[in-house]
C-alpha atoms as a PDB file:
ATOM      1  CA  MET A   1     210.111 136.460 214.341  1.00  0.00           C
ATOM      2  CA  ILE A   2     208.328 133.699 216.517  1.00  0.00           C
ATOM      3  CA  GLY A   3     204.998 135.414 215.955  1.00  0.00           C
ATOM      4  CA  ARG A   4     205.524 135.158 212.171  1.00  0.00           C
ATOM      5  CA  VAL A   5     206.304 131.666 212.322  1.00  0.00           C
ATOM      6  CA  ILE A   6     203.351 130.890 214.602  1.00  0.00           C
ATOM      7  CA  PHE A   7     201.016 132.988 211.922  1.00  0.00           C
ATOM      8  CA  TYR A   8     202.178 130.997 209.044  1.00  0.00           C
ATOM      9  CA  ILE A   9     201.740 127.660 210.743  1.00  0.00           C
ATOM     10  CA  LEU A  10     198.111 128.836 211.701  1.00  0.00           C
ATOM     11  CA  ALA A  11     197.437 129.995 208.382  1.00  0.00           C
ATOM     12  CA  LEU A  12     198.566 126.607 206.743  1.00  0.00           C
ATOM     13  CA  TYR A  13     196.508 124.576 209.378  1.00  0.00           C
ATOM     14  CA  PHE A  14     193.292 126.613 208.547  1.00  0.00           C
ATOM     15  CA  LEU A  15     194.095 126.519 204.739  1.00  0.00           C
ATOM     16  CA  TYR A  16     194.703 122.673 204.888  1.00  0.00           C
ATOM     17  CA  LYS A  17     191.370 122.254 207.009  1.00  0.00           C
ATOM     18  CA  PHE A  18     189.433 124.456 204.526  1.00  0.00           C
ATOM     19  CA  ILE A  19     190.642 122.536 201.637  1.00  0.00           C
ATOM     20  CA  PHE A  20     190.089 119.106 202.861  1.00  0.00           C
ATOM     21  CA  GLU A  21     187.016 119.493 205.201  1.00  0.00           C
ATOM     22  CA  PHE A  22     185.130 121.971 202.914  1.00  0.00           C
ATOM     23  CA  LEU A  23     186.432 122.012 199.295  1.00  0.00           C
ATOM     24  CA  VAL A  24     186.965 118.363 198.862  1.00  0.00           C
ATOM     25  CA  PRO A  25     183.599 117.046 200.272  1.00  0.00           C
ATOM     26  CA  ILE A  26     181.699 119.738 198.090  1.00  0.00           C
ATOM     27  CA  PHE A  27     183.587 118.413 195.023  1.00  0.00           C
ATOM     28  CA  LYS A  28     182.837 114.809 195.861  1.00  0.00           C
ATOM     29  CA  THR A  29     179.354 115.348 196.506  1.00  0.00           C
ATOM     30  CA  THR A  30     178.775 117.319 193.247  1.00  0.00           C
ATOM     31  CA  THR A  31     180.471 114.724 191.305  1.00  0.00           C
ATOM     32  CA  LYS A  32     178.246 112.122 192.886  1.00  0.00           C
ATOM     33  CA  ILE A  33     174.957 113.939 192.434  1.00  0.00           C
ATOM     34  CA  GLN A  34     175.823 114.657 188.616  1.00  0.00           C
ATOM     35  CA  ARG A  35     176.526 110.950 188.204  1.00  0.00           C
ATOM     36  CA  ASP A  36     173.457 109.754 189.751  1.00  0.00           C
ATOM     37  CA  PHE A  37     171.447 112.375 187.926  1.00  0.00           C
ATOM     38  CA  GLN A  38     172.899 111.263 184.671  1.00  0.00           C
ATOM     39  CA  ALA A  39     172.198 107.737 185.369  1.00  0.00           C
ATOM     40  CA  MET A  40     168.538 108.762 186.420  1.00  0.00           C
ATOM     41  CA  GLN A  41     168.234 110.536 183.136  1.00  0.00           C
ATOM     42  CA  GLN A  42     169.500 107.452 181.154  1.00  0.00           C
ATOM     43  CA  LYS A  43     166.991 105.208 182.947  1.00  0.00           C
ATOM     44  CA  MET A  44     164.209 107.481 182.201  1.00  0.00           C
ATOM     45  CA  GLU A  45     165.078 107.594 178.492  1.00  0.00           C
ATOM     46  CA  GLU A  46     165.185 103.809 178.230  1.00  0.00           C
ATOM     47  CA  GLN A  47     162.027 103.715 179.891  1.00  0.00           C
ATOM     48  CA  MET A  48     160.236 106.107 177.686  1.00  0.00           C
ATOM     49  CA  GLY A  49     161.946 104.490 174.566  1.00  0.00           C
ATOM     50  CA  SER A  50     160.390 101.056 175.534  1.00  0.00           C
ATOM     51  CA  ASN A  51     157.034 102.493 176.345  1.00  0.00           C
ATOM     52  CA  GLN A  52     156.827 104.396 172.956  1.00  0.00           C
ATOM     53  CA  GLN A  53     154.618 102.771 170.438  1.00  0.00           C
ATOM     54  CA  THR A  54     155.045 103.366 166.605  1.00  0.00           C
ATOM     55  CA  PRO A  55     152.154 105.367 165.203  1.00  0.00           C
ATOM     56  CA  PRO A  56     150.093 103.714 162.392  1.00  0.00           C
ATOM     57  CA  THR A  57     151.473 104.657 158.989  1.00  0.00           C
ATOM     58  CA  ASN A  58     148.010 104.882 157.418  1.00  0.00           C
ATOM     59  CA  GLY A  59     144.614 106.155 158.841  1.00  0.00           C
ATOM     60  CA  ALA A  60     142.996 102.984 158.965  1.00  0.00           C
ATOM     61  CA  ALA A  61     143.827 102.370 162.624  1.00  0.00           C
ATOM     62  CA  ALA A  62     142.039 105.852 163.421  1.00  0.00           C
ATOM     63  CA  GLN A  63     138.908 104.598 161.687  1.00  0.00           C
ATOM     64  CA  ASP A  64     138.739 101.553 163.807  1.00  0.00           C
ATOM     65  CA  LYS A  65     138.196 103.280 167.053  1.00  0.00           C
ATOM     66  CA  PRO A  66     134.548 103.307 168.533  1.00  0.00           C
ATOM     67  CA  PRO A  67     133.259 106.808 168.872  1.00  0.00           C
ATOM     68  CA  THR A  68     133.676 108.374 172.100  1.00  0.00           C
ATOM     69  CA  LYS A  69     130.657 108.629 174.263  1.00  0.00           C
ATOM     70  CA  ASP A  70     129.399 111.841 175.421  1.00  0.00           C
ATOM     71  CA  ASN A  71     129.131 111.930 179.301  1.00  0.00           C
ATOM     72  CA  LYS A  72     127.263 114.996 179.765  1.00  0.00           C
ATOM     73  CA  HIS A  73     123.936 113.313 180.137  1.00  0.00           C
ATOM     74  CA  GLU A  74     125.026 110.609 182.693  1.00  0.00           C
ATOM     75  CA  TYR A  75     125.495 113.047 185.753  1.00  0.00           C
ATOM     76  CA  ILE A  76     123.380 111.886 188.625  1.00  0.00           C
ATOM     77  CA  ASP A  77     122.347 114.424 191.108  1.00  0.00           C
ATOM     78  CA  PHE A  78     123.435 113.674 194.822  1.00  0.00           C
ATOM     79  CA  GLU A  79     120.644 114.127 197.396  1.00  0.00           C
ATOM     80  CA  GLU A  80     121.440 113.805 200.862  1.00  0.00           C
ATOM     81  CA  LEU A  81     119.209 111.386 202.785  1.00  0.00           C
ATOM     82  CA  LYS A  82     117.853 112.405 206.378  1.00  0.00           C
END
């Protein structure tokens, strides 16, 4: 009889410790990480939205660009001096 009472007390004690020292901190940490991740995503979306420029509606802006230079012929060989 006393052995059974001690067993139940110990079982309740370990169950209490498991819930409040393991499950609750995991739950709190998970919700905090999710909240921080959502805030970071929202901040990135705001930054991406403010950095995007509207594309030109006609082809005139594409014709105004200067032609790109071919960098193939600008290579200079490196020679080691002794």
